């Protein structure tokens, strides 16, 4: 059965594991808490997830079952993942399509451009 994850203790390392498991970039994920994307419904399966960031699957992380913690759907966890990129790809890193910080992809990682010369 599908269920949600409680955001108690939810961290960037936890979000990175989720993104890696979904075949997105394993670094640069943003952890979102307190039902940032809206409250789920049904069963809450995991709480107090604690990943190191090196796991391949969320279930390899330490966690508690929600039967031993008090969590509601107002605490559902979420993530924002990064799409894979190719060398030389560019984007505006401030999540705005018309203006923002210029970022470039080098060796599969997004980074900023230094303006010092």
N, C-alpha and C. Protein backbone atom coordinates (compact mmCIF):
# COMPACT_ATOMS: atom_id res chain seq x y z
N UNK A 1 0.84 -1.19 0.00
CA UNK A 1 0.00 0.00 0.00
C UNK A 1 0.88 1.24 0.00
N UNK A 2 0.43 2.28 -0.69
CA UNK A 2 1.13 3.55 -0.69
C UNK A 2 0.80 4.30 0.58
N UNK A 3 1.75 5.06 1.06
CA UNK A 3 1.53 5.89 2.23
C UNK A 3 2.50 7.04 2.22
N UNK A 4 2.31 7.97 3.12
CA UNK A 4 3.16 9.15 3.18
C UNK A 4 4.27 8.97 4.21
N UNK A 5 5.17 9.95 4.24
CA UNK A 5 6.29 9.97 5.18
C UNK A 5 6.12 11.22 6.04
N UNK A 6 6.29 11.06 7.35
CA UNK A 6 6.19 12.18 8.27
C UNK A 6 7.47 13.02 8.19
N UNK A 7 7.33 14.34 8.28
CA UNK A 7 8.49 15.21 8.14
C UNK A 7 9.24 15.45 9.45
N UNK A 8 8.90 14.76 10.52
CA UNK A 8 9.65 14.90 11.77
C UNK A 8 11.09 14.47 11.54
N UNK A 9 12.04 15.40 11.67
CA UNK A 9 13.44 15.09 11.44
C UNK A 9 13.84 15.03 9.99
N UNK A 10 12.96 15.38 9.07
CA UNK A 10 13.21 15.29 7.62
C UNK A 10 14.33 16.24 7.24
N UNK A 11 15.31 15.75 6.47
CA UNK A 11 16.51 16.55 6.19
C UNK A 11 16.88 16.50 4.70
N UNK A 12 17.87 17.30 4.34
CA UNK A 12 18.40 17.31 2.98
C UNK A 12 18.97 15.93 2.62
N UNK A 13 19.64 15.27 3.56
CA UNK A 13 20.18 13.93 3.28
C UNK A 13 19.06 12.96 2.94
N UNK A 14 17.93 13.05 3.63
CA UNK A 14 16.78 12.19 3.35
C UNK A 14 16.24 12.49 1.94
N UNK A 15 16.13 13.78 1.62
CA UNK A 15 15.64 14.19 0.30
C UNK A 15 16.58 13.72 -0.80
N UNK A 16 17.89 13.78 -0.56
CA UNK A 16 18.86 13.32 -1.57
C UNK A 16 18.66 11.84 -1.88
N UNK A 17 18.38 11.03 -0.85
CA UNK A 17 18.16 9.59 -1.06
C UNK A 17 16.89 9.38 -1.90
N UNK A 18 15.84 10.12 -1.60
CA UNK A 18 14.60 9.99 -2.37
C UNK A 18 14.86 10.31 -3.85
N UNK A 19 15.55 11.42 -4.10
CA UNK A 19 15.83 11.82 -5.49
C UNK A 19 16.71 10.79 -6.20
N UNK A 20 17.71 10.27 -5.50
CA UNK A 20 18.57 9.23 -6.08
C UNK A 20 17.73 8.00 -6.43
N UNK A 21 16.84 7.60 -5.54
CA UNK A 21 16.00 6.43 -5.77
C UNK A 21 15.09 6.63 -6.99
N UNK A 22 14.70 7.87 -7.25
CA UNK A 22 13.83 8.18 -8.39
C UNK A 22 14.61 8.51 -9.66
N UNK A 23 15.94 8.27 -9.63
CA UNK A 23 16.83 8.51 -10.78
C UNK A 23 16.98 9.98 -11.16
N UNK A 24 16.83 10.86 -10.18
CA UNK A 24 17.18 12.25 -10.36
C UNK A 24 18.58 12.44 -9.79
N UNK A 25 19.12 13.64 -9.86
CA UNK A 25 20.44 13.88 -9.29
C UNK A 25 20.42 13.57 -7.80
N UNK A 26 21.41 12.83 -7.29
CA UNK A 26 21.41 12.42 -5.88
C UNK A 26 21.86 13.52 -4.93
N UNK A 27 22.26 14.68 -5.45
CA UNK A 27 22.65 15.80 -4.60
C UNK A 27 21.88 17.04 -5.02
N UNK A 28 21.74 17.97 -4.12
CA UNK A 28 21.06 19.22 -4.44
C UNK A 28 19.56 19.19 -4.20
N UNK A 29 19.06 18.11 -3.62
CA UNK A 29 17.64 18.04 -3.32
C UNK A 29 17.28 19.01 -2.20
N UNK A 30 16.03 19.41 -2.20
CA UNK A 30 15.53 20.29 -1.14
C UNK A 30 14.46 19.53 -0.37
N UNK A 31 14.65 19.43 0.95
CA UNK A 31 13.66 18.78 1.81
C UNK A 31 12.57 19.78 2.14
N UNK A 32 11.33 19.35 2.01
CA UNK A 32 10.18 20.20 2.34
C UNK A 32 9.36 19.51 3.43
N UNK A 33 8.94 20.29 4.40
CA UNK A 33 8.23 19.75 5.57
C UNK A 33 6.82 20.32 5.67
N UNK A 34 6.10 19.77 6.63
CA UNK A 34 4.78 20.30 7.02
C UNK A 34 3.82 20.42 5.85
N UNK A 35 3.74 19.35 5.07
CA UNK A 35 2.79 19.25 3.96
C UNK A 35 2.94 20.41 2.97
N UNK A 36 4.17 20.76 2.65
CA UNK A 36 4.48 21.85 1.73
C UNK A 36 3.72 21.70 0.41
N UNK A 37 3.56 20.46 -0.07
CA UNK A 37 2.85 20.20 -1.32
C UNK A 37 1.40 19.80 -1.09
N UNK A 38 0.92 19.95 0.12
CA UNK A 38 -0.44 19.57 0.47
C UNK A 38 -0.45 18.30 1.31
N UNK A 39 -1.48 18.16 2.09
CA UNK A 39 -1.62 17.00 2.97
C UNK A 39 -2.03 15.77 2.18
N UNK A 40 -1.41 14.64 2.51
CA UNK A 40 -1.79 13.38 1.90
C UNK A 40 -3.00 12.80 2.60
N UNK A 41 -3.32 11.57 2.27
CA UNK A 41 -4.42 10.87 2.92
C UNK A 41 -4.01 9.41 3.09
N UNK A 42 -4.75 8.70 3.88
CA UNK A 42 -4.44 7.30 4.11
C UNK A 42 -3.38 7.13 5.19
N UNK A 43 -2.61 6.07 5.07
CA UNK A 43 -1.66 5.69 6.10
C UNK A 43 -0.37 6.52 6.00
N UNK A 44 0.19 6.84 7.15
CA UNK A 44 1.52 7.45 7.24
C UNK A 44 2.46 6.31 7.62
N UNK A 45 3.40 5.98 6.74
CA UNK A 45 4.20 4.77 6.93
C UNK A 45 5.49 4.98 7.71
N UNK A 46 6.17 6.11 7.51
CA UNK A 46 7.48 6.32 8.13
C UNK A 46 7.53 7.65 8.87
N UNK A 47 8.33 7.68 9.93
CA UNK A 47 8.56 8.91 10.69
C UNK A 47 10.00 8.93 11.16
N UNK A 48 10.51 10.11 11.48
CA UNK A 48 11.87 10.27 11.99
C UNK A 48 12.89 9.54 11.10
N UNK A 49 12.74 9.74 9.78
CA UNK A 49 13.68 9.16 8.83
C UNK A 49 15.04 9.83 9.04
N UNK A 50 16.09 9.03 9.04
CA UNK A 50 17.44 9.56 9.25
C UNK A 50 18.41 8.86 8.30
N UNK A 51 18.70 9.51 7.18
CA UNK A 51 19.61 8.96 6.18
C UNK A 51 20.98 9.63 6.31
N UNK A 52 22.01 8.91 5.93
CA UNK A 52 23.34 9.52 5.85
C UNK A 52 23.49 10.25 4.52
N UNK A 53 22.70 9.85 3.53
CA UNK A 53 22.78 10.41 2.19
C UNK A 53 23.43 9.47 1.20
N UNK A 54 24.00 8.38 1.68
CA UNK A 54 24.68 7.41 0.81
C UNK A 54 23.81 6.21 0.46
N UNK A 55 22.62 6.14 1.02
CA UNK A 55 21.75 5.01 0.78
C UNK A 55 21.17 5.06 -0.64
N UNK A 56 20.81 3.90 -1.17
CA UNK A 56 20.19 3.80 -2.49
C UNK A 56 18.67 3.80 -2.42
N UNK A 57 18.12 3.59 -1.24
CA UNK A 57 16.69 3.40 -1.06
C UNK A 57 16.30 3.98 0.29
N UNK A 58 15.17 4.64 0.38
CA UNK A 58 14.73 5.26 1.63
C UNK A 58 14.60 4.24 2.76
N UNK A 59 14.25 3.00 2.42
CA UNK A 59 14.09 1.99 3.46
C UNK A 59 15.42 1.49 4.02
N UNK A 60 16.54 1.89 3.40
CA UNK A 60 17.87 1.58 3.96
C UNK A 60 18.24 2.56 5.08
N UNK A 61 17.50 3.64 5.21
CA UNK A 61 17.76 4.65 6.24
C UNK A 61 17.14 4.20 7.56
N UNK A 62 17.59 4.80 8.65
CA UNK A 62 16.94 4.57 9.94
C UNK A 62 15.61 5.30 9.93
N UNK A 63 14.59 4.70 10.52
CA UNK A 63 13.28 5.34 10.61
C UNK A 63 12.46 4.67 11.70
N UNK A 64 11.39 5.34 12.08
CA UNK A 64 10.42 4.74 13.00
C UNK A 64 9.13 4.51 12.24
N UNK A 65 8.43 3.50 12.65
CA UNK A 65 7.10 3.28 12.11
C UNK A 65 6.19 4.33 12.75
N UNK A 66 5.19 4.77 12.04
CA UNK A 66 4.31 5.79 12.59
C UNK A 66 3.43 5.27 13.70
N UNK A 67 3.41 3.98 13.90
CA UNK A 67 2.64 3.45 15.01
C UNK A 67 3.30 3.81 16.34
N UNK A 68 4.59 4.16 16.33
CA UNK A 68 5.28 4.53 17.57
C UNK A 68 5.52 6.03 17.68
N UNK A 69 5.06 6.80 16.74
CA UNK A 69 5.19 8.26 16.84
C UNK A 69 3.86 8.90 16.50
N UNK A 70 3.68 10.10 16.97
CA UNK A 70 2.44 10.80 16.65
C UNK A 70 2.71 11.76 15.50
N UNK A 71 2.07 11.52 14.39
CA UNK A 71 2.26 12.34 13.21
C UNK A 71 0.92 12.43 12.49
N UNK A 72 0.67 13.57 11.88
CA UNK A 72 -0.55 13.74 11.10
C UNK A 72 -0.16 14.16 9.68
N UNK A 73 -1.12 14.17 8.81
CA UNK A 73 -0.83 14.54 7.42
C UNK A 73 -0.43 16.00 7.28
N UNK A 74 -0.63 16.80 8.30
CA UNK A 74 -0.14 18.19 8.24
C UNK A 74 1.38 18.22 8.35
N UNK A 75 1.99 17.08 8.64
CA UNK A 75 3.45 16.95 8.74
C UNK A 75 4.03 16.09 7.61
N UNK A 76 3.31 15.89 6.51
CA UNK A 76 3.82 15.06 5.42
C UNK A 76 5.09 15.67 4.82
N UNK A 77 6.05 14.80 4.50
CA UNK A 77 7.34 15.22 3.93
C UNK A 77 7.23 15.34 2.42
N UNK A 78 8.09 16.18 1.85
CA UNK A 78 8.16 16.34 0.41
C UNK A 78 9.59 16.62 -0.02
N UNK A 79 9.85 16.59 -1.31
CA UNK A 79 11.18 16.90 -1.85
C UNK A 79 11.06 17.66 -3.16
N UNK A 80 12.09 18.43 -3.46
CA UNK A 80 12.29 19.01 -4.78
C UNK A 80 13.60 18.43 -5.29
N UNK A 81 13.53 17.71 -6.41
CA UNK A 81 14.71 17.05 -6.97
C UNK A 81 15.27 17.85 -8.13
N UNK A 82 16.52 17.59 -8.45
CA UNK A 82 17.20 18.20 -9.59
C UNK A 82 17.19 17.23 -10.76
N UNK A 83 16.88 17.73 -11.95
CA UNK A 83 16.97 16.90 -13.15
C UNK A 83 18.43 16.67 -13.51
N UNK A 84 18.75 15.50 -14.08
CA UNK A 84 20.11 15.29 -14.56
C UNK A 84 20.46 16.34 -15.61
N UNK A 85 21.73 16.69 -15.68
CA UNK A 85 22.15 17.69 -16.66
C UNK A 85 23.36 17.18 -17.44
N UNK A 86 23.60 17.80 -18.58
CA UNK A 86 24.74 17.47 -19.43
C UNK A 86 25.75 18.61 -19.40
N UNK A 87 27.02 18.27 -19.58
CA UNK A 87 28.07 19.28 -19.59
C UNK A 87 27.69 20.44 -20.51
N UNK A 88 27.80 21.64 -19.97
CA UNK A 88 27.52 22.84 -20.75
C UNK A 88 26.10 23.34 -20.68
N UNK A 89 25.16 22.54 -20.12
CA UNK A 89 23.80 23.04 -19.94
C UNK A 89 23.85 24.26 -19.03
N UNK A 90 22.98 25.23 -19.26
CA UNK A 90 22.87 26.37 -18.36
C UNK A 90 21.42 26.54 -17.93
N UNK A 91 21.24 27.23 -16.81
CA UNK A 91 19.90 27.52 -16.31
C UNK A 91 19.97 28.76 -15.43
N UNK A 92 18.81 29.28 -15.11
CA UNK A 92 18.72 30.36 -14.13
C UNK A 92 18.33 29.70 -12.81
N UNK A 93 19.21 29.81 -11.81
CA UNK A 93 19.06 29.03 -10.58
C UNK A 93 18.10 29.57 -9.56
N UNK A 94 17.42 30.67 -9.84
CA UNK A 94 16.50 31.24 -8.87
C UNK A 94 15.05 30.85 -9.14
N UNK A 95 14.86 29.80 -9.93
CA UNK A 95 13.54 29.26 -10.25
C UNK A 95 12.64 30.32 -10.90
N UNK A 96 13.24 31.17 -11.71
CA UNK A 96 12.49 32.18 -12.44
C UNK A 96 12.91 32.01 -13.90
N UNK A 97 11.96 32.04 -14.82
CA UNK A 97 12.31 31.76 -16.21
C UNK A 97 12.95 32.94 -16.93
N UNK A 98 12.83 34.15 -16.39
CA UNK A 98 13.33 35.32 -17.09
C UNK A 98 14.54 35.98 -16.46
N UNK A 99 14.82 35.72 -15.19
CA UNK A 99 15.95 36.37 -14.53
C UNK A 99 16.44 35.48 -13.40
N UNK A 100 17.71 35.65 -13.04
CA UNK A 100 18.24 34.89 -11.92
C UNK A 100 19.72 34.63 -12.04
N UNK A 101 20.25 33.93 -11.07
CA UNK A 101 21.66 33.54 -11.00
C UNK A 101 21.94 32.51 -12.09
N UNK A 102 22.99 32.73 -12.89
CA UNK A 102 23.35 31.80 -13.96
C UNK A 102 24.09 30.61 -13.36
N UNK A 103 23.65 29.41 -13.72
CA UNK A 103 24.30 28.17 -13.28
C UNK A 103 24.66 27.35 -14.50
N UNK A 104 25.76 26.62 -14.40
CA UNK A 104 26.23 25.79 -15.51
C UNK A 104 26.43 24.37 -15.00
N UNK A 105 26.21 23.38 -15.87
CA UNK A 105 26.41 21.98 -15.51
C UNK A 105 27.80 21.54 -15.97
N UNK A 106 28.60 21.04 -15.02
CA UNK A 106 29.90 20.48 -15.33
C UNK A 106 30.01 19.14 -14.60
N UNK A 107 30.31 18.09 -15.34
CA UNK A 107 30.42 16.73 -14.78
C UNK A 107 29.18 16.31 -14.01
N UNK A 108 28.00 16.65 -14.52
CA UNK A 108 26.75 16.22 -13.92
C UNK A 108 26.34 16.98 -12.68
N UNK A 109 26.99 18.11 -12.39
CA UNK A 109 26.67 18.89 -11.19
C UNK A 109 26.44 20.35 -11.57
N UNK A 110 25.36 20.93 -11.03
CA UNK A 110 25.07 22.35 -11.26
C UNK A 110 25.94 23.19 -10.35
N UNK A 111 26.48 24.28 -10.87
CA UNK A 111 27.28 25.21 -10.08
C UNK A 111 27.14 26.62 -10.62
N UNK A 112 27.63 27.56 -9.85
CA UNK A 112 27.55 28.96 -10.26
C UNK A 112 28.80 29.36 -11.01
N UNK A 113 28.74 30.51 -11.65
CA UNK A 113 29.85 31.05 -12.41
C UNK A 113 30.47 32.16 -11.59
N UNK A 114 31.77 32.09 -11.37
CA UNK A 114 32.48 33.10 -10.58
C UNK A 114 32.63 34.37 -11.42
N UNK A 115 32.35 35.52 -10.81
CA UNK A 115 32.48 36.77 -11.56
C UNK A 115 33.78 37.51 -11.28
N UNK A 116 34.73 36.88 -10.57
CA UNK A 116 36.01 37.51 -10.29
C UNK A 116 37.00 37.16 -11.41
N UNK A 117 37.81 38.09 -11.79
CA UNK A 117 38.82 37.83 -12.82
C UNK A 117 40.09 38.55 -12.50
